[in-house]
Amino acid sequence: MSTGLIVIGVAVVTFVSTMAGGLFALRVTTHIGLVIALGAGVRIGAAFFDLAPEAARALDSLDA
C-alpha cells in the first residue's frame, strides 16, 4: 500500500471522528459538561498510552 493512500486514509478517519464528536456535542447540549469531561479524559488517556512505553524504557535504563 502506498504512503499517499495511508495518509489519505488517516486524514479521512480523523475528519470523520472529529465531525462525529462535534455533532454529538451539539446534540447533547443538556450534558455538555459531561461531554467536555469525556473529551478531556480521552485526550489525557491517549497521551498517557503514547508516553507509557517510552517511560518504561527510560526506567529500565535507570536500573542498569
PDB file of N, CA and C in Angstrom:
ATOM      1  N   MET A   1       0.849  -1.175   0.000  1.00  0.00           N
ATOM      2  CA  MET A   1       0.000   0.000   0.000  1.00  0.00           C
ATOM      3  C   MET A   1       0.895   1.238   0.000  1.00  0.00           C
ATOM      4  N   SER A   2       0.560   2.196  -0.830  1.00  0.00           N
ATOM      5  CA  SER A   2       1.422   3.375  -0.939  1.00  0.00           C
ATOM      6  C   SER A   2       1.228   4.326   0.241  1.00  0.00           C
ATOM      7  N   THR A   3       2.229   5.126   0.468  1.00  0.00           N
ATOM      8  CA  THR A   3       2.202   6.071   1.586  1.00  0.00           C
ATOM      9  C   THR A   3       1.098   7.100   1.411  1.00  0.00           C
ATOM     10  N   GLY A   4       0.857   7.515   0.178  1.00  0.00           N
ATOM     11  CA  GLY A   4      -0.188   8.501  -0.087  1.00  0.00           C
ATOM     12  C   GLY A   4      -1.564   8.006   0.319  1.00  0.00           C
ATOM     13  N   LEU A   5      -1.847   6.739   0.044  1.00  0.00           N
ATOM     14  CA  LEU A   5      -3.147   6.178   0.425  1.00  0.00           C
ATOM     15  C   LEU A   5      -3.289   6.075   1.939  1.00  0.00           C
ATOM     16  N   ILE A   6      -2.219   5.750   2.611  1.00  0.00           N
ATOM     17  CA  ILE A   6      -2.257   5.673   4.077  1.00  0.00           C
ATOM     18  C   ILE A   6      -2.522   7.052   4.663  1.00  0.00           C
ATOM     19  N   VAL A   7      -1.858   8.065   4.127  1.00  0.00           N
ATOM     20  CA  VAL A   7      -2.053   9.431   4.614  1.00  0.00           C
ATOM     21  C   VAL A   7      -3.490   9.881   4.388  1.00  0.00           C
ATOM     22  N   ILE A   8      -4.029   9.607   3.213  1.00  0.00           N
ATOM     23  CA  ILE A   8      -5.414   9.980   2.918  1.00  0.00           C
ATOM     24  C   ILE A   8      -6.371   9.222   3.827  1.00  0.00           C
ATOM     25  N   GLY A   9      -6.119   7.946   4.056  1.00  0.00           N
ATOM     26  CA  GLY A   9      -6.974   7.157   4.944  1.00  0.00           C
ATOM     27  C   GLY A   9      -6.978   7.685   6.366  1.00  0.00           C
ATOM     28  N   VAL A  10      -5.805   8.019   6.876  1.00  0.00           N
ATOM     29  CA  VAL A  10      -5.714   8.567   8.234  1.00  0.00           C
ATOM     30  C   VAL A  10      -6.417   9.913   8.306  1.00  0.00           C
ATOM     31  N   ALA A  11      -6.271  10.737   7.269  1.00  0.00           N
ATOM     32  CA  ALA A  11      -6.933  12.044   7.249  1.00  0.00           C
ATOM     33  C   ALA A  11      -8.452  11.891   7.230  1.00  0.00           C
ATOM     34  N   VAL A  12      -8.953  10.934   6.466  1.00  0.00           N
ATOM     35  CA  VAL A  12     -10.402  10.711   6.401  1.00  0.00           C
ATOM     36  C   VAL A  12     -10.928  10.216   7.746  1.00  0.00           C
ATOM     37  N   VAL A  13     -10.232   9.281   8.363  1.00  0.00           N
ATOM     38  CA  VAL A  13     -10.660   8.776   9.673  1.00  0.00           C
ATOM     39  C   VAL A  13     -10.636   9.895  10.710  1.00  0.00           C
ATOM     40  N   THR A  14      -9.615  10.735  10.666  1.00  0.00           N
ATOM     41  CA  THR A  14      -9.530  11.863  11.593  1.00  0.00           C
ATOM     42  C   THR A  14     -10.678  12.829  11.378  1.00  0.00           C
ATOM     43  N   PHE A  15     -10.975  13.138  10.124  1.00  0.00           N
ATOM     44  CA  PHE A  15     -12.076  14.050   9.813  1.00  0.00           C
ATOM     45  C   PHE A  15     -13.409  13.498  10.291  1.00  0.00           C
ATOM     46  N   VAL A  16     -13.663  12.232   9.999  1.00  0.00           N
ATOM     47  CA  VAL A  16     -14.949  11.626  10.374  1.00  0.00           C
ATOM     48  C   VAL A  16     -15.104  11.567  11.888  1.00  0.00           C
ATOM     49  N   SER A  17     -14.053  11.190  12.596  1.00  0.00           N
ATOM     50  CA  SER A  17     -14.170  11.108  14.052  1.00  0.00           C
ATOM     51  C   SER A  17     -14.343  12.488  14.677  1.00  0.00           C
ATOM     52  N   THR A  18     -13.662  13.493  14.147  1.00  0.00           N
ATOM     53  CA  THR A  18     -13.822  14.853  14.660  1.00  0.00           C
ATOM     54  C   THR A  18     -15.219  15.380  14.368  1.00  0.00           C
ATOM     55  N   MET A  19     -15.720  15.132  13.176  1.00  0.00           N
ATOM     56  CA  MET A  19     -17.064  15.573  12.813  1.00  0.00           C
ATOM     57  C   MET A  19     -18.112  14.870  13.668  1.00  0.00           C
ATOM     58  N   ALA A  20     -17.955  13.576  13.889  1.00  0.00           N
ATOM     59  CA  ALA A  20     -18.912  12.837  14.723  1.00  0.00           C
ATOM     60  C   ALA A  20     -18.895  13.356  16.153  1.00  0.00           C
ATOM     61  N   GLY A  21     -17.721  13.623  16.685  1.00  0.00           N
ATOM     62  CA  GLY A  21     -17.625  14.165  18.040  1.00  0.00           C
ATOM     63  C   GLY A  21     -18.256  15.537  18.152  1.00  0.00           C
ATOM     64  N   GLY A  22     -18.040  16.381  17.157  1.00  0.00           N
ATOM     65  CA  GLY A  22     -18.637  17.713  17.161  1.00  0.00           C
ATOM     66  C   GLY A  22     -20.148  17.672  17.065  1.00  0.00           C
ATOM     67  N   LEU A  23     -20.662  16.826  16.193  1.00  0.00           N
ATOM     68  CA  LEU A  23     -22.116  16.694  16.072  1.00  0.00           C
ATOM     69  C   LEU A  23     -22.727  16.114  17.337  1.00  0.00           C
ATOM     70  N   PHE A  24     -22.036  15.173  17.948  1.00  0.00           N
ATOM     71  CA  PHE A  24     -22.517  14.606  19.208  1.00  0.00           C
ATOM     72  C   PHE A  24     -22.577  15.678  20.287  1.00  0.00           C
ATOM     73  N   ALA A  25     -21.553  16.520  20.351  1.00  0.00           N
ATOM     74  CA  ALA A  25     -21.521  17.588  21.354  1.00  0.00           C
ATOM     75  C   ALA A  25     -22.632  18.602  21.108  1.00  0.00           C
ATOM     76  N   LEU A  26     -22.945  18.874  19.857  1.00  0.00           N
ATOM     77  CA  LEU A  26     -24.029  19.808  19.556  1.00  0.00           C
ATOM     78  C   LEU A  26     -25.394  19.230  19.912  1.00  0.00           C
ATOM     79  N   ARG A  27     -25.548  17.934  19.756  1.00  0.00           N
ATOM     80  CA  ARG A  27     -26.842  17.300  20.032  1.00  0.00           C
ATOM     81  C   ARG A  27     -27.092  17.123  21.526  1.00  0.00           C
ATOM     82  N   VAL A  28     -26.065  16.986  22.320  1.00  0.00           N
ATOM     83  CA  VAL A  28     -26.206  16.709  23.744  1.00  0.00           C
ATOM     84  C   VAL A  28     -25.877  17.984  24.525  1.00  0.00           C
ATOM     85  N   THR A  29     -26.683  19.007  24.341  1.00  0.00           N
ATOM     86  CA  THR A  29     -26.395  20.288  24.989  1.00  0.00           C
ATOM     87  C   THR A  29     -26.750  20.283  26.468  1.00  0.00           C
ATOM     88  N   THR A  30     -27.631  19.390  26.896  1.00  0.00           N
ATOM     89  CA  THR A  30     -28.009  19.375  28.312  1.00  0.00           C
ATOM     90  C   THR A  30     -26.902  18.804  29.189  1.00  0.00           C
ATOM     91  N   HIS A  31     -26.058  17.975  28.626  1.00  0.00           N
ATOM     92  CA  HIS A  31     -24.972  17.347  29.383  1.00  0.00           C
ATOM     93  C   HIS A  31     -23.617  17.769  28.829  1.00  0.00           C
ATOM     94  N   ILE A  32     -23.476  19.029  28.473  1.00  0.00           N
ATOM     95  CA  ILE A  32     -22.251  19.490  27.814  1.00  0.00           C
ATOM     96  C   ILE A  32     -21.026  19.344  28.720  1.00  0.00           C
ATOM     97  N   GLY A  33     -21.200  19.512  30.025  1.00  0.00           N
ATOM     98  CA  GLY A  33     -20.077  19.333  30.944  1.00  0.00           C
ATOM     99  C   GLY A  33     -19.546  17.913  30.915  1.00  0.00           C
ATOM    100  N   LEU A  34     -20.450  16.955  30.833  1.00  0.00           N
ATOM    101  CA  LEU A  34     -20.051  15.554  30.752  1.00  0.00           C
ATOM    102  C   LEU A  34     -19.311  15.264  29.451  1.00  0.00           C
ATOM    103  N   VAL A  35     -19.782  15.841  28.361  1.00  0.00           N
ATOM    104  CA  VAL A  35     -19.138  15.633  27.065  1.00  0.00           C
ATOM    105  C   VAL A  35     -17.733  16.229  27.075  1.00  0.00           C
ATOM    106  N   ILE A  36     -17.584  17.411  27.660  1.00  0.00           N
ATOM    107  CA  ILE A  36     -16.262  18.038  27.739  1.00  0.00           C
ATOM    108  C   ILE A  36     -15.329  17.203  28.613  1.00  0.00           C
ATOM    109  N   ALA A  37     -15.845  16.700  29.729  1.00  0.00           N
ATOM    110  CA  ALA A  37     -15.031  15.863  30.611  1.00  0.00           C
ATOM    111  C   ALA A  37     -14.608  14.572  29.912  1.00  0.00           C
ATOM    112  N   LEU A  38     -15.506  13.982  29.147  1.00  0.00           N
ATOM    113  CA  LEU A  38     -15.177  12.767  28.401  1.00  0.00           C
ATOM    114  C   LEU A  38     -14.077  13.049  27.381  1.00  0.00           C
ATOM    115  N   GLY A  39     -14.201  14.151  26.657  1.00  0.00           N
ATOM    116  CA  GLY A  39     -13.175  14.517  25.677  1.00  0.00           C
ATOM    117  C   GLY A  39     -11.822  14.740  26.323  1.00  0.00           C
ATOM    118  N   ALA A  40     -11.822  15.414  27.471  1.00  0.00           N
ATOM    119  CA  ALA A  40     -10.562  15.649  28.180  1.00  0.00           C
ATOM    120  C   ALA A  40      -9.958  14.334  28.658  1.00  0.00           C
ATOM    121  N   GLY A  41     -10.782  13.442  29.160  1.00  0.00           N
ATOM    122  CA  GLY A  41     -10.288  12.145  29.618  1.00  0.00           C
ATOM    123  C   GLY A  41      -9.699  11.318  28.493  1.00  0.00           C
ATOM    124  N   VAL A  42     -10.342  11.357  27.341  1.00  0.00           N
ATOM    125  CA  VAL A  42      -9.824  10.617  26.186  1.00  0.00           C
ATOM    126  C   VAL A  42      -8.472  11.181  25.760  1.00  0.00           C
ATOM    127  N   ARG A  43      -8.347  12.496  25.744  1.00  0.00           N
ATOM    128  CA  ARG A  43      -7.070  13.105  25.351  1.00  0.00           C
ATOM    129  C   ARG A  43      -5.959  12.776  26.352  1.00  0.00           C
ATOM    130  N   ILE A  44      -6.266  12.845  27.629  1.00  0.00           N
ATOM    131  CA  ILE A  44      -5.264  12.525  28.648  1.00  0.00           C
ATOM    132  C   ILE A  44      -4.874  11.048  28.558  1.00  0.00           C
ATOM    133  N   GLY A  45      -5.862  10.179  28.359  1.00  0.00           N
ATOM    134  CA  GLY A  45      -5.576   8.753  28.215  1.00  0.00           C
ATOM    135  C   GLY A  45      -4.718   8.460  26.999  1.00  0.00           C
ATOM    136  N   ALA A  46      -5.004   9.124  25.884  1.00  0.00           N
ATOM    137  CA  ALA A  46      -4.204   8.919  24.673  1.00  0.00           C
ATOM    138  C   ALA A  46      -2.765   9.367  24.892  1.00  0.00           C
ATOM    139  N   ALA A  47      -2.593  10.491  25.560  1.00  0.00           N
ATOM    140  CA  ALA A  47      -1.233  10.967  25.845  1.00  0.00           C
ATOM    141  C   ALA A  47      -0.506   9.994  26.769  1.00  0.00           C
ATOM    142  N   PHE A  48      -1.209   9.479  27.774  1.00  0.00           N
ATOM    143  CA  PHE A  48      -0.592   8.521  28.698  1.00  0.00           C
ATOM    144  C   PHE A  48      -0.143   7.266  27.959  1.00  0.00           C
ATOM    145  N   PHE A  49      -1.034   6.694  27.143  1.00  0.00           N
ATOM    146  CA  PHE A  49      -0.684   5.461  26.443  1.00  0.00           C
ATOM    147  C   PHE A  49       0.377   5.697  25.378  1.00  0.00           C
ATOM    148  N   ASP A  50       0.491   6.916  24.878  1.00  0.00           N
ATOM    149  CA  ASP A  50       1.547   7.228  23.926  1.00  0.00           C
ATOM    150  C   ASP A  50       2.900   7.317  24.622  1.00  0.00           C
ATOM    151  N   LEU A  51       2.924   7.860  25.833  1.00  0.00           N
ATOM    152  CA  LEU A  51       4.187   8.067  26.546  1.00  0.00           C
ATOM    153  C   LEU A  51       4.591   6.895  27.439  1.00  0.00           C
ATOM    154  N   ALA A  52       3.684   5.991  27.749  1.00  0.00           N
ATOM    155  CA  ALA A  52       3.974   4.895  28.673  1.00  0.00           C
ATOM    156  C   ALA A  52       5.135   4.002  28.213  1.00  0.00           C
ATOM    157  N   PRO A  53       5.198   3.564  26.950  1.00  0.00           N
ATOM    158  CA  PRO A  53       6.334   2.717  26.554  1.00  0.00           C
ATOM    159  C   PRO A  53       7.680   3.433  26.668  1.00  0.00           C
ATOM    160  N   GLU A  54       7.700   4.709  26.319  1.00  0.00           N
ATOM    161  CA  GLU A  54       8.941   5.475  26.420  1.00  0.00           C
ATOM    162  C   GLU A  54       9.372   5.616  27.878  1.00  0.00           C
ATOM    163  N   ALA A  55       8.423   5.834  28.771  1.00  0.00           N
ATOM    164  CA  ALA A  55       8.745   5.940  30.197  1.00  0.00           C
ATOM    165  C   ALA A  55       9.255   4.609  30.735  1.00  0.00           C
ATOM    166  N   ALA A  56       8.666   3.506  30.283  1.00  0.00           N
ATOM    167  CA  ALA A  56       9.116   2.188  30.734  1.00  0.00           C
ATOM    168  C   ALA A  56      10.549   1.924  30.277  1.00  0.00           C
ATOM    169  N   ARG A  57      10.869   2.306  29.043  1.00  0.00           N
ATOM    170  CA  ARG A  57      12.248   2.137  28.556  1.00  0.00           C
ATOM    171  C   ARG A  57      13.207   3.009  29.357  1.00  0.00           C
ATOM    172  N   ALA A  58      12.788   4.213  29.701  1.00  0.00           N
ATOM    173  CA  ALA A  58      13.654   5.108  30.477  1.00  0.00           C
ATOM    174  C   ALA A  58      13.886   4.548  31.879  1.00  0.00           C
ATOM    175  N   LEU A  59      12.865   3.958  32.477  1.00  0.00           N
ATOM    176  CA  LEU A  59      13.031   3.377  33.810  1.00  0.00           C
ATOM    177  C   LEU A  59      13.951   2.169  33.781  1.00  0.00           C
ATOM    178  N   ASP A  60      13.866   1.364  32.731  1.00  0.00           N
ATOM    179  CA  ASP A  60      14.768   0.214  32.615  1.00  0.00           C
ATOM    180  C   ASP A  60      16.212   0.660  32.472  1.00  0.00           C
ATOM    181  N   SER A  61      16.440   1.765  31.783  1.00  0.00           N
ATOM    182  CA  SER A  61      17.818   2.226  31.605  1.00  0.00           C
ATOM    183  C   SER A  61      18.375   2.820  32.898  1.00  0.00           C
ATOM    184  N   LEU A  62      17.517   3.289  33.801  1.00  0.00           N
ATOM    185  CA  LEU A  62      17.987   3.821  35.077  1.00  0.00           C
ATOM    186  C   LEU A  62      18.445   2.712  36.015  1.00  0.00           C
ATOM    187  N   ASP A  63      17.844   1.521  35.890  1.00  0.00           N
ATOM    188  CA  ASP A  63      18.198   0.403  36.761  1.00  0.00           C
ATOM    189  C   ASP A  63      19.554  -0.198  36.409  1.00  0.00           C
ATOM    190  N   ALA A  64      19.986  -0.046  35.186  1.00  0.00           N
ATOM    191  CA  ALA A  64      21.229  -0.688  34.741  1.00  0.00           C
ATOM    192  C   ALA A  64      22.468   0.005  35.233  1.00  0.00           C
TER     193      ALA A  64
END
